[in-house]
């Protein structure tokens, strides 16, 4: 069955790049949104196999979105991978303690993005 992934990032270029990589290279279905608030609404209506979530967004940042997802019985079982330029060891420790599935550093490597997601989530390559 085809994986469905929600991409949440306030930068349109990044949403488009990630979407193209996941659909063209991974063969996955994607839905994109530009804000945490919209993300929380979408997960109420659609089923996702994973969420790629930007950390630094205006309004509700990725940390606040993740906390809301974890508090929601419908969404708490969806694995979340953070997209971030913040990759200091202290940041990675914080991300691990939060319980996110993994972290992908920006700038994103288009050719290896799907492989990174497969490895983080333990999915079989298709």
N, C-alpha and C. Protein backbone atom coordinates (compact mmCIF):
# COMPACT_ATOMS: atom_id res chain seq x y z
N UNK A 1 0.84 -1.19 0.00
CA UNK A 1 0.00 0.00 0.00
C UNK A 1 0.88 1.25 0.00
N UNK A 2 0.50 2.25 -0.74
CA UNK A 2 1.29 3.47 -0.87
C UNK A 2 1.25 4.26 0.43
N UNK A 3 2.41 4.74 0.84
CA UNK A 3 2.51 5.56 2.05
C UNK A 3 1.97 6.95 1.77
N UNK A 4 1.34 7.53 2.79
CA UNK A 4 0.85 8.90 2.69
C UNK A 4 1.58 9.73 3.75
N UNK A 5 2.19 10.81 3.30
CA UNK A 5 3.02 11.64 4.19
C UNK A 5 2.54 13.08 4.14
N UNK A 6 2.46 13.69 5.33
CA UNK A 6 2.12 15.10 5.45
C UNK A 6 3.41 15.89 5.61
N UNK A 7 3.58 16.91 4.76
CA UNK A 7 4.77 17.77 4.80
C UNK A 7 4.33 19.13 5.33
N UNK A 8 4.94 19.55 6.45
CA UNK A 8 4.58 20.81 7.08
C UNK A 8 5.81 21.71 7.12
N UNK A 9 5.79 22.78 6.33
CA UNK A 9 6.91 23.72 6.29
C UNK A 9 6.39 25.06 5.79
N UNK A 10 6.84 26.15 6.41
CA UNK A 10 6.35 27.46 6.00
C UNK A 10 7.01 27.96 4.72
N UNK A 11 8.09 27.32 4.29
CA UNK A 11 8.78 27.75 3.06
C UNK A 11 8.27 26.93 1.87
N UNK A 12 7.65 27.62 0.92
CA UNK A 12 7.06 26.96 -0.24
C UNK A 12 8.09 26.16 -1.03
N UNK A 13 9.30 26.70 -1.23
CA UNK A 13 10.35 26.00 -1.98
C UNK A 13 10.66 24.64 -1.35
N UNK A 14 10.75 24.63 -0.04
CA UNK A 14 11.08 23.38 0.65
C UNK A 14 9.93 22.39 0.53
N UNK A 15 8.69 22.87 0.71
CA UNK A 15 7.53 21.97 0.54
C UNK A 15 7.53 21.34 -0.84
N UNK A 16 7.77 22.17 -1.86
CA UNK A 16 7.76 21.66 -3.24
C UNK A 16 8.89 20.66 -3.48
N UNK A 17 10.08 20.95 -2.97
CA UNK A 17 11.22 20.06 -3.13
C UNK A 17 10.97 18.72 -2.45
N UNK A 18 10.54 18.76 -1.21
CA UNK A 18 10.29 17.53 -0.46
C UNK A 18 9.17 16.73 -1.12
N UNK A 19 8.12 17.41 -1.53
CA UNK A 19 7.00 16.73 -2.19
C UNK A 19 7.47 16.03 -3.47
N UNK A 20 8.25 16.72 -4.28
CA UNK A 20 8.75 16.13 -5.53
C UNK A 20 9.61 14.90 -5.23
N UNK A 21 10.49 15.00 -4.25
CA UNK A 21 11.36 13.86 -3.90
C UNK A 21 10.54 12.66 -3.44
N UNK A 22 9.60 12.90 -2.55
CA UNK A 22 8.84 11.78 -1.99
C UNK A 22 7.92 11.13 -3.01
N UNK A 23 7.34 11.95 -3.89
CA UNK A 23 6.44 11.39 -4.89
C UNK A 23 7.21 10.74 -6.03
N UNK A 24 8.25 11.43 -6.55
CA UNK A 24 8.99 10.93 -7.71
C UNK A 24 9.96 9.80 -7.35
N UNK A 25 10.68 9.95 -6.25
CA UNK A 25 11.69 8.95 -5.87
C UNK A 25 11.14 7.87 -4.95
N UNK A 26 10.21 8.24 -4.07
CA UNK A 26 9.67 7.28 -3.12
C UNK A 26 8.39 6.61 -3.58
N UNK A 27 7.71 7.26 -4.55
CA UNK A 27 6.44 6.72 -5.00
C UNK A 27 5.33 6.88 -3.97
N UNK A 28 5.50 7.82 -3.03
CA UNK A 28 4.54 8.03 -1.96
C UNK A 28 3.58 9.15 -2.32
N UNK A 29 2.44 9.16 -1.65
CA UNK A 29 1.48 10.25 -1.79
C UNK A 29 1.80 11.28 -0.72
N UNK A 30 1.64 12.55 -1.05
CA UNK A 30 1.92 13.60 -0.08
C UNK A 30 0.82 14.65 -0.07
N UNK A 31 0.69 15.27 1.06
CA UNK A 31 -0.13 16.47 1.22
C UNK A 31 0.79 17.48 1.89
N UNK A 32 0.73 18.73 1.44
CA UNK A 32 1.58 19.75 2.04
C UNK A 32 0.73 20.83 2.69
N UNK A 33 1.32 21.46 3.70
CA UNK A 33 0.68 22.60 4.34
C UNK A 33 1.76 23.53 4.88
N UNK A 34 1.39 24.79 5.06
CA UNK A 34 2.37 25.81 5.40
C UNK A 34 2.39 26.20 6.87
N UNK A 35 1.52 25.61 7.70
CA UNK A 35 1.51 26.03 9.11
C UNK A 35 1.12 24.88 10.04
N UNK A 36 1.52 25.06 11.29
CA UNK A 36 1.17 24.08 12.31
C UNK A 36 -0.32 23.99 12.54
N UNK A 37 -0.97 25.13 12.53
CA UNK A 37 -2.42 25.14 12.74
C UNK A 37 -3.14 24.33 11.66
N UNK A 38 -2.73 24.51 10.41
CA UNK A 38 -3.34 23.76 9.31
C UNK A 38 -3.03 22.27 9.43
N UNK A 39 -1.82 21.95 9.87
CA UNK A 39 -1.42 20.55 10.08
C UNK A 39 -2.38 19.87 11.04
N UNK A 40 -2.68 20.53 12.15
CA UNK A 40 -3.54 19.94 13.17
C UNK A 40 -4.96 19.70 12.63
N UNK A 41 -5.42 20.56 11.74
CA UNK A 41 -6.74 20.36 11.13
C UNK A 41 -6.72 19.19 10.15
N UNK A 42 -5.65 19.12 9.34
CA UNK A 42 -5.56 18.08 8.31
C UNK A 42 -5.51 16.68 8.93
N UNK A 43 -4.78 16.52 10.05
CA UNK A 43 -4.67 15.17 10.64
C UNK A 43 -6.00 14.68 11.21
N UNK A 44 -6.94 15.59 11.39
CA UNK A 44 -8.28 15.18 11.84
C UNK A 44 -9.07 14.55 10.69
N UNK A 45 -8.68 14.87 9.45
CA UNK A 45 -9.47 14.46 8.29
C UNK A 45 -8.81 13.39 7.44
N UNK A 46 -7.50 13.25 7.53
CA UNK A 46 -6.75 12.32 6.67
C UNK A 46 -5.93 11.37 7.53
N UNK A 47 -5.62 10.21 6.97
CA UNK A 47 -4.75 9.23 7.65
C UNK A 47 -3.35 9.33 7.05
N UNK A 48 -2.33 9.43 7.91
CA UNK A 48 -0.95 9.55 7.44
C UNK A 48 -0.08 8.46 8.03
N UNK A 49 0.93 8.07 7.23
CA UNK A 49 1.92 7.11 7.70
C UNK A 49 3.08 7.81 8.39
N UNK A 50 3.25 9.11 8.11
CA UNK A 50 4.31 9.90 8.74
C UNK A 50 4.04 11.38 8.49
N UNK A 51 4.66 12.20 9.35
CA UNK A 51 4.60 13.66 9.19
C UNK A 51 6.03 14.18 9.19
N UNK A 52 6.36 14.98 8.17
CA UNK A 52 7.63 15.70 8.14
C UNK A 52 7.31 17.12 8.60
N UNK A 53 7.92 17.53 9.71
CA UNK A 53 7.52 18.76 10.38
C UNK A 53 8.70 19.71 10.56
N UNK A 54 8.58 20.90 9.99
CA UNK A 54 9.59 21.93 10.17
C UNK A 54 9.57 22.40 11.62
N UNK A 55 10.74 22.65 12.18
CA UNK A 55 10.82 23.13 13.56
C UNK A 55 10.54 24.62 13.63
N UNK A 56 11.19 25.41 12.77
CA UNK A 56 11.09 26.87 12.84
C UNK A 56 10.04 27.40 11.88
N UNK A 57 8.86 27.70 12.44
CA UNK A 57 7.78 28.27 11.65
C UNK A 57 7.18 29.43 12.44
N UNK A 58 6.67 30.44 11.73
CA UNK A 58 6.00 31.54 12.44
C UNK A 58 4.71 31.03 13.08
N UNK A 59 4.27 31.72 14.10
CA UNK A 59 3.06 31.28 14.79
C UNK A 59 3.37 30.07 15.64
N UNK A 60 2.77 28.96 15.31
CA UNK A 60 2.98 27.71 16.05
C UNK A 60 4.20 26.99 15.49
N UNK A 61 5.26 26.87 16.30
CA UNK A 61 6.46 26.20 15.81
C UNK A 61 6.30 24.68 15.88
N UNK A 62 7.30 23.98 15.35
CA UNK A 62 7.23 22.53 15.29
C UNK A 62 7.12 21.86 16.64
N UNK A 63 7.74 22.45 17.67
CA UNK A 63 7.65 21.87 19.02
C UNK A 63 6.21 21.90 19.52
N UNK A 64 5.54 23.06 19.34
CA UNK A 64 4.15 23.20 19.78
C UNK A 64 3.23 22.28 18.99
N UNK A 65 3.48 22.15 17.68
CA UNK A 65 2.68 21.26 16.85
C UNK A 65 2.84 19.82 17.33
N UNK A 66 4.08 19.41 17.59
CA UNK A 66 4.33 18.04 18.04
C UNK A 66 3.61 17.76 19.36
N UNK A 67 3.65 18.71 20.28
CA UNK A 67 2.95 18.53 21.57
C UNK A 67 1.44 18.35 21.35
N UNK A 68 0.87 19.14 20.44
CA UNK A 68 -0.56 19.02 20.13
C UNK A 68 -0.86 17.66 19.49
N UNK A 69 0.01 17.22 18.60
CA UNK A 69 -0.18 15.92 17.96
C UNK A 69 -0.16 14.80 19.00
N UNK A 70 0.76 14.91 19.95
CA UNK A 70 0.88 13.88 20.99
C UNK A 70 -0.32 13.86 21.93
N UNK A 71 -0.97 14.99 22.08
CA UNK A 71 -2.14 15.09 22.95
C UNK A 71 -3.42 14.64 22.25
N UNK A 72 -3.34 14.37 20.94
CA UNK A 72 -4.50 14.01 20.14
C UNK A 72 -4.51 12.50 19.91
N UNK A 73 -5.52 11.78 20.42
CA UNK A 73 -5.56 10.32 20.25
C UNK A 73 -5.51 9.87 18.79
N UNK A 74 -6.05 10.67 17.88
CA UNK A 74 -6.02 10.31 16.46
C UNK A 74 -4.61 10.42 15.89
N UNK A 75 -3.86 11.41 16.34
CA UNK A 75 -2.57 11.73 15.73
C UNK A 75 -1.35 11.20 16.49
N UNK A 76 -1.51 10.81 17.73
CA UNK A 76 -0.32 10.49 18.53
C UNK A 76 0.45 9.28 18.05
N UNK A 77 -0.17 8.43 17.26
CA UNK A 77 0.55 7.25 16.76
C UNK A 77 1.26 7.50 15.43
N UNK A 78 1.10 8.69 14.86
CA UNK A 78 1.76 9.00 13.59
C UNK A 78 3.21 9.39 13.86
N UNK A 79 4.19 8.69 13.27
CA UNK A 79 5.58 9.07 13.49
C UNK A 79 5.87 10.45 12.89
N UNK A 80 6.62 11.25 13.66
CA UNK A 80 6.97 12.60 13.22
C UNK A 80 8.48 12.69 13.04
N UNK A 81 8.90 13.18 11.88
CA UNK A 81 10.30 13.45 11.60
C UNK A 81 10.44 14.96 11.50
N UNK A 82 11.35 15.52 12.30
CA UNK A 82 11.57 16.96 12.27
C UNK A 82 12.52 17.33 11.14
N UNK A 83 12.20 18.42 10.45
CA UNK A 83 13.08 19.01 9.45
C UNK A 83 13.65 20.27 10.08
N UNK A 84 14.97 20.33 10.21
CA UNK A 84 15.53 21.48 10.92
C UNK A 84 16.96 21.76 10.51
N UNK A 85 17.32 23.03 10.60
CA UNK A 85 18.71 23.42 10.42
C UNK A 85 19.44 23.36 11.76
N UNK A 86 18.68 23.16 12.84
CA UNK A 86 19.25 23.12 14.18
C UNK A 86 19.71 21.69 14.49
N UNK A 87 20.99 21.44 14.37
CA UNK A 87 21.48 20.08 14.59
C UNK A 87 22.64 20.03 15.59
N UNK A 88 22.65 20.96 16.54
CA UNK A 88 23.63 20.89 17.62
C UNK A 88 23.32 19.68 18.49
N UNK A 89 24.35 19.13 19.15
CA UNK A 89 24.09 17.96 20.02
C UNK A 89 23.00 18.23 21.06
N UNK A 90 22.95 19.44 21.62
CA UNK A 90 21.92 19.75 22.62
C UNK A 90 20.53 19.72 21.99
N UNK A 91 20.44 20.18 20.73
CA UNK A 91 19.15 20.13 20.03
C UNK A 91 18.74 18.69 19.78
N UNK A 92 19.69 17.87 19.34
CA UNK A 92 19.38 16.45 19.08
C UNK A 92 18.91 15.76 20.35
N UNK A 93 19.54 16.09 21.49
CA UNK A 93 19.11 15.51 22.77
C UNK A 93 17.67 15.90 23.07
N UNK A 94 17.36 17.17 22.85
CA UNK A 94 15.99 17.65 23.09
C UNK A 94 15.00 16.92 22.20
N UNK A 95 15.35 16.75 20.91
CA UNK A 95 14.46 16.07 19.97
C UNK A 95 14.22 14.62 20.41
N UNK A 96 15.29 13.95 20.84
CA UNK A 96 15.17 12.56 21.28
C UNK A 96 14.26 12.46 22.49
N UNK A 97 14.45 13.36 23.45
CA UNK A 97 13.62 13.34 24.66
C UNK A 97 12.16 13.62 24.36
N UNK A 98 11.90 14.40 23.31
CA UNK A 98 10.52 14.70 22.93
C UNK A 98 9.80 13.46 22.43
N UNK A 99 10.53 12.53 21.86
CA UNK A 99 9.92 11.32 21.33
C UNK A 99 9.62 11.36 19.84
N UNK A 100 10.30 12.26 19.13
CA UNK A 100 10.11 12.27 17.67
C UNK A 100 10.78 11.03 17.07
N UNK A 101 10.32 10.63 15.91
CA UNK A 101 10.88 9.44 15.26
C UNK A 101 12.31 9.68 14.79
N UNK A 102 12.60 10.92 14.37
CA UNK A 102 13.93 11.24 13.88
C UNK A 102 14.04 12.68 13.44
N UNK A 103 15.22 13.02 12.97
CA UNK A 103 15.52 14.38 12.54
C UNK A 103 16.23 14.31 11.19
N UNK A 104 15.81 15.16 10.27
CA UNK A 104 16.50 15.32 9.00
C UNK A 104 16.99 16.75 8.92
N UNK A 105 18.29 16.89 8.71
CA UNK A 105 18.91 18.22 8.71
C UNK A 105 18.65 18.95 7.40
N UNK A 106 18.42 20.25 7.52
CA UNK A 106 18.37 21.13 6.35
C UNK A 106 19.76 21.69 6.17
N UNK A 107 20.24 21.94 4.98
CA UNK A 107 19.51 21.72 3.73
C UNK A 107 19.33 20.23 3.43
N UNK A 108 18.20 19.92 2.87
CA UNK A 108 17.82 18.55 2.57
C UNK A 108 18.60 18.05 1.36
N UNK A 109 19.01 16.80 1.40
CA UNK A 109 19.67 16.15 0.26
C UNK A 109 18.59 15.44 -0.54
N UNK A 110 18.16 16.00 -1.67
CA UNK A 110 17.04 15.43 -2.42
C UNK A 110 17.22 13.96 -2.80
N UNK A 111 18.43 13.58 -3.19
CA UNK A 111 18.63 12.21 -3.69
C UNK A 111 18.61 11.16 -2.57
N UNK A 112 18.83 11.56 -1.32
CA UNK A 112 18.85 10.59 -0.24
C UNK A 112 17.68 10.74 0.73
N UNK A 113 16.79 11.70 0.47
CA UNK A 113 15.71 11.98 1.41
C UNK A 113 14.83 10.77 1.67
N UNK A 114 14.38 10.09 0.62
CA UNK A 114 13.49 8.94 0.84
C UNK A 114 14.22 7.83 1.60
N UNK A 115 15.49 7.63 1.31
CA UNK A 115 16.27 6.61 2.03
C UNK A 115 16.38 6.96 3.50
N UNK A 116 16.60 8.25 3.80
CA UNK A 116 16.67 8.68 5.21
C UNK A 116 15.36 8.39 5.93
N UNK A 117 14.24 8.69 5.28
CA UNK A 117 12.94 8.45 5.90
C UNK A 117 12.71 6.96 6.12
N UNK A 118 13.03 6.15 5.12
CA UNK A 118 12.89 4.69 5.24
C UNK A 118 13.71 4.16 6.41
N UNK A 119 14.95 4.65 6.54
CA UNK A 119 15.82 4.19 7.64
C UNK A 119 15.29 4.64 8.99
N UNK A 120 14.86 5.90 9.10
CA UNK A 120 14.36 6.41 10.38
C UNK A 120 13.12 5.63 10.83
N UNK A 121 12.23 5.34 9.90
CA UNK A 121 10.95 4.71 10.25
C UNK A 121 10.97 3.20 10.16
N UNK A 122 12.07 2.63 9.67
CA UNK A 122 12.17 1.17 9.57
C UNK A 122 11.24 0.58 8.54
N UNK A 123 10.95 1.35 7.49
CA UNK A 123 10.09 0.87 6.41
C UNK A 123 10.88 0.01 5.46
N UNK A 124 10.17 -0.85 4.75
CA UNK A 124 10.78 -1.65 3.69
C UNK A 124 10.90 -0.78 2.44
N UNK A 125 12.01 -0.92 1.73
CA UNK A 125 12.13 -0.19 0.44
C UNK A 125 11.22 -0.85 -0.57
N UNK A 126 10.57 0.00 -1.38
CA UNK A 126 9.66 -0.58 -2.37
C UNK A 126 10.28 -0.58 -3.74
